Amino acid sequence: MSSFPARALSSHIRQPSMSGNPNSGPPPALVARVNEKKAELENLKSLRELSAAAASQMEELEQKLATLSDGTEAIALVMSNWHNVLRAINMASAKLPKPSPEEGQLATDEVSAPLPQTLVRIPTEHAPALQAHAEAAPPEEE
């Protein structure tokens, strides 16, 4: 039937090495190295978790800095306009008639003193819409 000779399979199975005690287990150096690698793996896992936490904190910081930068730009714009506002107030105040010393003593009320023309007119037809928009905006976290 088969052209191969019938041999016992046990002769082909590799026998364990008989050097040393068969009940001793793996060498202690190998066990120590495996334990070192396990400790290293645990350290790497904790490092990965800490790195992920640091990355998420950096992203939050980036968002807060972007908000801060936008606010700083708005403040810089307002501050750059103050010079023009003060100059306009000064010009309007210069056009007011100066009370004479006798009138100054008689008119001590601020109400009787002449006021300058209105310098800025703010349209109020959009005020309710702007107020509703501001109230609908979520409060910023600090």
N, C-alpha and C. Protein backbone atom coordinates (compact mmCIF):
# COMPACT_ATOMS: atom_id res chain seq x y z
N MET A 1 0.79 -1.17 0.00
CA MET A 1 0.00 0.00 0.00
C MET A 1 0.85 1.25 0.00
N SER A 2 1.52 1.45 1.03
CA SER A 2 2.36 2.61 1.06
C SER A 2 3.77 2.21 0.72
N SER A 3 4.47 3.01 -0.01
CA SER A 3 5.83 2.69 -0.39
C SER A 3 6.83 3.11 0.67
N PHE A 4 6.37 3.82 1.70
CA PHE A 4 7.26 4.26 2.77
C PHE A 4 7.39 3.17 3.82
N PRO A 5 8.56 3.01 4.35
CA PRO A 5 8.73 1.98 5.38
C PRO A 5 8.00 2.41 6.66
N ALA A 6 7.48 1.49 7.36
CA ALA A 6 6.76 1.77 8.60
C ALA A 6 7.77 1.84 9.73
N ARG A 7 7.91 3.04 10.31
CA ARG A 7 8.84 3.23 11.42
C ARG A 7 8.07 3.76 12.62
N ALA A 8 8.62 3.62 13.70
CA ALA A 8 7.98 4.14 14.90
C ALA A 8 8.15 5.65 14.93
N LEU A 9 7.10 6.37 15.24
CA LEU A 9 7.13 7.83 15.26
C LEU A 9 7.90 8.35 16.46
N SER A 10 8.03 7.60 17.47
CA SER A 10 8.70 8.07 18.67
C SER A 10 10.17 8.35 18.44
N SER A 11 10.77 7.78 17.44
CA SER A 11 12.18 8.04 17.18
C SER A 11 12.39 9.41 16.56
N HIS A 12 11.35 10.01 15.96
CA HIS A 12 11.48 11.31 15.32
C HIS A 12 11.14 12.48 16.26
N ILE A 13 10.54 12.21 17.39
CA ILE A 13 10.19 13.27 18.33
C ILE A 13 11.44 13.68 19.07
N ARG A 14 11.64 14.95 19.14
CA ARG A 14 12.85 15.48 19.78
C ARG A 14 12.75 15.31 21.29
N GLN A 15 13.75 14.81 21.85
CA GLN A 15 13.78 14.58 23.28
C GLN A 15 14.31 15.84 23.97
N PRO A 16 13.78 16.18 25.13
CA PRO A 16 14.28 17.36 25.85
C PRO A 16 15.72 17.15 26.30
N SER A 17 16.40 18.26 26.45
CA SER A 17 17.79 18.20 26.86
C SER A 17 17.87 17.70 28.29
N MET A 18 18.78 16.89 28.57
CA MET A 18 18.93 16.32 29.90
C MET A 18 19.99 17.05 30.72
N SER A 19 20.53 18.12 30.20
CA SER A 19 21.53 18.85 30.96
C SER A 19 20.82 19.65 32.04
N GLY A 20 21.11 19.46 33.25
CA GLY A 20 20.49 20.16 34.37
C GLY A 20 19.28 19.42 34.88
N ASN A 21 18.64 19.99 35.85
CA ASN A 21 17.49 19.39 36.50
C ASN A 21 16.24 19.71 35.69
N PRO A 22 15.46 18.70 35.28
CA PRO A 22 14.28 18.97 34.47
C PRO A 22 13.17 19.66 35.27
N ASN A 23 13.18 19.67 36.56
CA ASN A 23 12.14 20.30 37.37
C ASN A 23 12.49 21.74 37.76
N SER A 24 13.64 22.25 37.36
CA SER A 24 14.08 23.58 37.79
C SER A 24 13.37 24.72 37.05
N GLY A 25 12.80 24.54 35.88
CA GLY A 25 12.12 25.58 35.13
C GLY A 25 13.11 26.41 34.32
N PRO A 26 12.68 27.58 33.86
CA PRO A 26 13.55 28.42 33.04
C PRO A 26 14.68 29.00 33.90
N PRO A 27 15.77 29.36 33.24
CA PRO A 27 16.91 29.92 33.97
C PRO A 27 16.53 31.25 34.66
N PRO A 28 17.12 31.55 35.80
CA PRO A 28 16.78 32.77 36.54
C PRO A 28 17.07 34.05 35.73
N ALA A 29 18.07 34.04 34.89
CA ALA A 29 18.37 35.22 34.08
C ALA A 29 17.22 35.51 33.11
N LEU A 30 16.64 34.45 32.56
CA LEU A 30 15.52 34.61 31.64
C LEU A 30 14.28 35.14 32.39
N VAL A 31 14.04 34.64 33.57
CA VAL A 31 12.91 35.09 34.39
C VAL A 31 13.10 36.57 34.75
N ALA A 32 14.31 36.95 35.10
CA ALA A 32 14.58 38.34 35.45
C ALA A 32 14.36 39.25 34.24
N ARG A 33 14.78 38.80 33.08
CA ARG A 33 14.60 39.61 31.86
C ARG A 33 13.12 39.75 31.51
N VAL A 34 12.35 38.67 31.67
CA VAL A 34 10.91 38.73 31.40
C VAL A 34 10.25 39.70 32.37
N ASN A 35 10.64 39.66 33.63
CA ASN A 35 10.07 40.59 34.62
C ASN A 35 10.44 42.04 34.30
N GLU A 36 11.66 42.27 33.84
CA GLU A 36 12.07 43.62 33.44
C GLU A 36 11.22 44.12 32.27
N LYS A 37 10.98 43.24 31.31
CA LYS A 37 10.18 43.62 30.14
C LYS A 37 8.73 43.90 30.52
N LYS A 38 8.20 43.11 31.49
CA LYS A 38 6.83 43.37 31.96
C LYS A 38 6.75 44.74 32.64
N ALA A 39 7.74 45.05 33.47
CA ALA A 39 7.77 46.34 34.13
C ALA A 39 7.90 47.47 33.11
N GLU A 40 8.73 47.25 32.09
CA GLU A 40 8.90 48.24 31.04
C GLU A 40 7.59 48.45 30.27
N LEU A 41 6.86 47.37 30.02
CA LEU A 41 5.57 47.46 29.33
C LEU A 41 4.58 48.27 30.17
N GLU A 42 4.53 48.02 31.46
CA GLU A 42 3.64 48.78 32.34
C GLU A 42 4.00 50.27 32.34
N ASN A 43 5.30 50.55 32.39
CA ASN A 43 5.76 51.95 32.35
C ASN A 43 5.38 52.62 31.03
N LEU A 44 5.50 51.89 29.94
CA LEU A 44 5.14 52.45 28.63
C LEU A 44 3.64 52.70 28.53
N LYS A 45 2.83 51.81 29.11
CA LYS A 45 1.38 52.02 29.10
C LYS A 45 1.01 53.26 29.90
N SER A 46 1.63 53.42 31.07
CA SER A 46 1.33 54.60 31.87
C SER A 46 1.84 55.86 31.17
N LEU A 47 2.97 55.78 30.49
CA LEU A 47 3.48 56.92 29.74
C LEU A 47 2.52 57.30 28.61
N ARG A 48 1.96 56.31 27.95
CA ARG A 48 1.00 56.58 26.87
C ARG A 48 -0.24 57.27 27.43
N GLU A 49 -0.73 56.81 28.59
CA GLU A 49 -1.90 57.44 29.21
C GLU A 49 -1.59 58.88 29.61
N LEU A 50 -0.43 59.10 30.20
CA LEU A 50 -0.04 60.45 30.61
C LEU A 50 0.15 61.36 29.40
N SER A 51 0.70 60.82 28.34
CA SER A 51 0.88 61.61 27.11
C SER A 51 -0.46 61.99 26.51
N ALA A 52 -1.42 61.08 26.53
CA ALA A 52 -2.75 61.40 26.00
C ALA A 52 -3.40 62.49 26.85
N ALA A 53 -3.25 62.40 28.17
CA ALA A 53 -3.81 63.44 29.06
C ALA A 53 -3.14 64.79 28.80
N ALA A 54 -1.83 64.78 28.63
CA ALA A 54 -1.11 66.03 28.36
C ALA A 54 -1.53 66.62 27.01
N ALA A 55 -1.74 65.76 26.03
CA ALA A 55 -2.17 66.24 24.71
C ALA A 55 -3.56 66.88 24.79
N SER A 56 -4.47 66.27 25.54
CA SER A 56 -5.81 66.86 25.66
C SER A 56 -5.75 68.18 26.42
N GLN A 57 -4.90 68.28 27.43
CA GLN A 57 -4.74 69.54 28.15
C GLN A 57 -4.15 70.62 27.24
N MET A 58 -3.23 70.24 26.38
CA MET A 58 -2.64 71.20 25.44
C MET A 58 -3.69 71.70 24.45
N GLU A 59 -4.59 70.81 24.01
CA GLU A 59 -5.65 71.23 23.09
C GLU A 59 -6.60 72.20 23.77
N GLU A 60 -6.94 71.93 25.04
CA GLU A 60 -7.79 72.86 25.79
C GLU A 60 -7.09 74.20 25.95
N LEU A 61 -5.80 74.16 26.24
CA LEU A 61 -5.03 75.40 26.38
C LEU A 61 -4.99 76.17 25.07
N GLU A 62 -4.87 75.45 23.96
CA GLU A 62 -4.87 76.10 22.65
C GLU A 62 -6.19 76.83 22.41
N GLN A 63 -7.32 76.19 22.76
CA GLN A 63 -8.62 76.83 22.59
C GLN A 63 -8.74 78.07 23.47
N LYS A 64 -8.28 77.98 24.71
CA LYS A 64 -8.36 79.13 25.61
C LYS A 64 -7.47 80.26 25.13
N LEU A 65 -6.29 79.92 24.61
CA LEU A 65 -5.40 80.96 24.09
C LEU A 65 -5.98 81.62 22.85
N ALA A 66 -6.68 80.85 22.03
CA ALA A 66 -7.31 81.44 20.84
C ALA A 66 -8.39 82.43 21.28
N THR A 67 -9.16 82.06 22.30
CA THR A 67 -10.18 82.97 22.82
C THR A 67 -9.52 84.22 23.39
N LEU A 68 -8.46 84.03 24.14
CA LEU A 68 -7.74 85.15 24.73
C LEU A 68 -7.17 86.05 23.65
N SER A 69 -6.65 85.47 22.60
CA SER A 69 -6.09 86.25 21.50
C SER A 69 -7.17 87.08 20.82
N ASP A 70 -8.35 86.47 20.60
CA ASP A 70 -9.45 87.21 19.98
C ASP A 70 -9.87 88.38 20.87
N GLY A 71 -9.94 88.14 22.17
CA GLY A 71 -10.31 89.20 23.10
C GLY A 71 -9.28 90.31 23.13
N THR A 72 -8.01 89.93 23.05
CA THR A 72 -6.93 90.91 23.06
C THR A 72 -7.00 91.79 21.82
N GLU A 73 -7.31 91.19 20.69
CA GLU A 73 -7.44 91.98 19.46
C GLU A 73 -8.59 92.96 19.56
N ALA A 74 -9.70 92.53 20.16
CA ALA A 74 -10.84 93.44 20.32
C ALA A 74 -10.49 94.59 21.25
N ILE A 75 -9.79 94.29 22.32
CA ILE A 75 -9.38 95.35 23.26
C ILE A 75 -8.40 96.32 22.58
N ALA A 76 -7.49 95.78 21.80
CA ALA A 76 -6.54 96.65 21.09
C ALA A 76 -7.26 97.57 20.12
N LEU A 77 -8.29 97.06 19.47
CA LEU A 77 -9.06 97.89 18.55
C LEU A 77 -9.77 99.01 19.29
N VAL A 78 -10.38 98.68 20.43
CA VAL A 78 -11.07 99.70 21.22
C VAL A 78 -10.07 100.74 21.72
N MET A 79 -8.93 100.26 22.21
CA MET A 79 -7.92 101.19 22.73
C MET A 79 -7.37 102.10 21.63
N SER A 80 -7.26 101.58 20.43
CA SER A 80 -6.74 102.42 19.34
C SER A 80 -7.74 103.52 18.96
N ASN A 81 -9.02 103.32 19.26
CA ASN A 81 -10.03 104.33 18.94
C ASN A 81 -10.16 105.40 20.02
N TRP A 82 -9.65 105.17 21.20
CA TRP A 82 -9.81 106.14 22.28
C TRP A 82 -9.18 107.49 21.95
N HIS A 83 -8.07 107.49 21.27
CA HIS A 83 -7.44 108.75 20.90
C HIS A 83 -8.40 109.60 20.07
N ASN A 84 -9.06 108.96 19.10
CA ASN A 84 -10.00 109.69 18.25
C ASN A 84 -11.21 110.17 19.05
N VAL A 85 -11.68 109.34 19.98
CA VAL A 85 -12.84 109.74 20.79
C VAL A 85 -12.49 110.94 21.66
N LEU A 86 -11.35 110.89 22.31
CA LEU A 86 -10.95 112.00 23.17
C LEU A 86 -10.71 113.27 22.37
N ARG A 87 -10.16 113.13 21.20
CA ARG A 87 -9.93 114.30 20.35
C ARG A 87 -11.27 114.92 19.92
N ALA A 88 -12.25 114.09 19.60
CA ALA A 88 -13.57 114.59 19.21
C ALA A 88 -14.25 115.29 20.39
N ILE A 89 -14.12 114.74 21.58
CA ILE A 89 -14.69 115.37 22.77
C ILE A 89 -14.02 116.72 23.02
N ASN A 90 -12.72 116.76 22.87
CA ASN A 90 -11.98 118.01 23.06
C ASN A 90 -12.42 119.06 22.04
N MET A 91 -12.59 118.65 20.79
CA MET A 91 -13.03 119.58 19.76
C MET A 91 -14.44 120.09 20.06
N ALA A 92 -15.32 119.20 20.51
CA ALA A 92 -16.69 119.63 20.81
C ALA A 92 -16.71 120.54 22.03
N SER A 93 -15.88 120.26 23.00
CA SER A 93 -15.82 121.10 24.19
C SER A 93 -15.23 122.47 23.87
N ALA A 94 -14.32 122.54 22.93
CA ALA A 94 -13.70 123.82 22.56
C ALA A 94 -14.71 124.74 21.89
N LYS A 95 -15.73 124.19 21.25
CA LYS A 95 -16.72 124.99 20.55
C LYS A 95 -17.76 125.58 21.52
N LEU A 96 -17.82 125.09 22.75
CA LEU A 96 -18.78 125.61 23.72
C LEU A 96 -18.41 127.02 24.13
N PRO A 97 -19.40 127.86 24.32
CA PRO A 97 -19.06 129.21 24.80
C PRO A 97 -18.57 129.13 26.24
N LYS A 98 -17.52 129.86 26.51
CA LYS A 98 -16.95 129.90 27.86
C LYS A 98 -17.76 130.88 28.70
N PRO A 99 -18.21 130.46 29.87
CA PRO A 99 -18.96 131.40 30.71
C PRO A 99 -18.01 132.45 31.28
N SER A 100 -18.53 133.63 31.39
CA SER A 100 -17.72 134.71 31.98
C SER A 100 -17.62 134.44 33.48
N PRO A 101 -16.67 135.08 34.15
CA PRO A 101 -16.51 134.83 35.59
C PRO A 101 -17.78 135.13 36.38
N GLU A 102 -18.54 136.14 35.97
CA GLU A 102 -19.78 136.46 36.70
C GLU A 102 -20.82 135.37 36.48
N GLU A 103 -20.92 134.87 35.25
CA GLU A 103 -21.87 133.80 34.96
C GLU A 103 -21.46 132.51 35.64
N GLY A 104 -20.16 132.30 35.76
CA GLY A 104 -19.67 131.08 36.39
C GLY A 104 -20.07 131.01 37.84
N GLN A 105 -20.09 132.19 38.51
CA GLN A 105 -20.48 132.21 39.92
C GLN A 105 -21.98 132.03 40.05
N LEU A 106 -22.74 132.61 39.11
CA LEU A 106 -24.19 132.50 39.19
C LEU A 106 -24.68 131.11 38.80
N ALA A 107 -24.07 130.50 37.80
CA ALA A 107 -24.53 129.20 37.31
C ALA A 107 -23.64 128.10 37.88
N THR A 108 -23.82 127.80 39.11
CA THR A 108 -23.04 126.72 39.72
C THR A 108 -23.66 125.36 39.45
N ASP A 109 -24.92 125.34 39.02
CA ASP A 109 -25.56 124.07 38.68
C ASP A 109 -24.98 123.55 37.37
N GLU A 110 -24.74 122.27 37.35
CA GLU A 110 -24.25 121.66 36.10
C GLU A 110 -25.37 121.59 35.08
N VAL A 111 -26.60 121.57 35.56
CA VAL A 111 -27.74 121.47 34.67
C VAL A 111 -27.85 122.73 33.81
N SER A 112 -27.54 123.89 34.39
CA SER A 112 -27.68 125.12 33.64
C SER A 112 -26.51 125.36 32.69
N ALA A 113 -25.41 124.62 32.86
CA ALA A 113 -24.25 124.79 31.97
C ALA A 113 -24.60 124.21 30.61
N PRO A 114 -24.20 124.87 29.53
CA PRO A 114 -24.51 124.34 28.20
C PRO A 114 -23.75 123.04 27.94
N LEU A 115 -24.41 122.11 27.33
CA LEU A 115 -23.80 120.82 27.00
C LEU A 115 -23.42 120.79 25.53
N PRO A 116 -22.40 120.03 25.18
CA PRO A 116 -22.01 119.94 23.77
C PRO A 116 -23.05 119.14 22.97
N GLN A 117 -22.96 119.30 21.68
CA GLN A 117 -23.82 118.52 20.79
C GLN A 117 -23.54 117.04 21.00
N THR A 118 -24.52 116.21 20.71
CA THR A 118 -24.33 114.76 20.79
C THR A 118 -23.31 114.36 19.73
N LEU A 119 -22.27 113.67 20.16
CA LEU A 119 -21.19 113.33 19.24
C LEU A 119 -21.44 112.02 18.51
N VAL A 120 -22.03 111.09 19.20
CA VAL A 120 -22.20 109.76 18.62
C VAL A 120 -23.67 109.39 18.72
N ARG A 121 -24.20 108.90 17.66
CA ARG A 121 -25.58 108.43 17.68
C ARG A 121 -25.53 106.92 17.46
N ILE A 122 -26.10 106.22 18.39
CA ILE A 122 -26.12 104.76 18.31
C ILE A 122 -27.52 104.32 17.93
N PRO A 123 -27.66 103.64 16.81
CA PRO A 123 -29.00 103.18 16.42
C PRO A 123 -29.49 102.11 17.41
N THR A 124 -30.73 102.24 17.82
CA THR A 124 -31.26 101.30 18.81
C THR A 124 -32.24 100.31 18.22
N GLU A 125 -32.49 100.38 16.93
CA GLU A 125 -33.45 99.43 16.36
C GLU A 125 -32.92 97.99 16.39
N HIS A 126 -31.60 97.81 16.44
CA HIS A 126 -31.02 96.47 16.50
C HIS A 126 -30.71 96.02 17.92
N ALA A 127 -30.90 96.88 18.88
CA ALA A 127 -30.53 96.56 20.26
C ALA A 127 -31.25 95.33 20.80
N PRO A 128 -32.57 95.15 20.60
CA PRO A 128 -33.21 93.93 21.14
C PRO A 128 -32.65 92.65 20.53
N ALA A 129 -32.35 92.68 19.24
CA ALA A 129 -31.80 91.49 18.59
C ALA A 129 -30.41 91.18 19.13
N LEU A 130 -29.59 92.21 19.33
CA LEU A 130 -28.26 92.00 19.88
C LEU A 130 -28.31 91.49 21.31
N GLN A 131 -29.26 92.02 22.09
CA GLN A 131 -29.39 91.57 23.48
C GLN A 131 -29.84 90.12 23.52
N ALA A 132 -30.78 89.72 22.67
CA ALA A 132 -31.24 88.34 22.62
C ALA A 132 -30.10 87.42 22.20
N HIS A 133 -29.29 87.88 21.24
CA HIS A 133 -28.13 87.08 20.80
C HIS A 133 -27.14 86.90 21.94
N ALA A 134 -26.87 87.95 22.71
CA ALA A 134 -25.92 87.88 23.82
C ALA A 134 -26.45 86.97 24.92
N GLU A 135 -27.76 86.98 25.17
CA GLU A 135 -28.32 86.11 26.21
C GLU A 135 -28.33 84.67 25.77
N ALA A 136 -28.46 84.40 24.48
CA ALA A 136 -28.51 83.03 23.97
C ALA A 136 -27.13 82.40 23.96
N ALA A 137 -26.07 83.20 23.93
CA ALA A 137 -24.71 82.67 23.89
C ALA A 137 -24.41 81.98 25.21
N PRO A 138 -23.75 80.78 25.15
CA PRO A 138 -23.42 80.09 26.41
C PRO A 138 -22.35 80.86 27.17
N PRO A 139 -22.42 80.84 28.50
CA PRO A 139 -21.39 81.55 29.28
C PRO A 139 -20.04 80.87 29.13
N GLU A 140 -19.00 81.66 29.07
CA GLU A 140 -17.65 81.12 28.90
C GLU A 140 -17.14 80.58 30.21
N GLU A 141 -16.41 79.45 30.14
CA GLU A 141 -15.82 78.86 31.33
C GLU A 141 -14.53 79.58 31.66
N GLU A 142 -14.23 79.65 32.94
CA GLU A 142 -12.98 80.29 33.35
C GLU A 142 -12.03 79.27 33.86
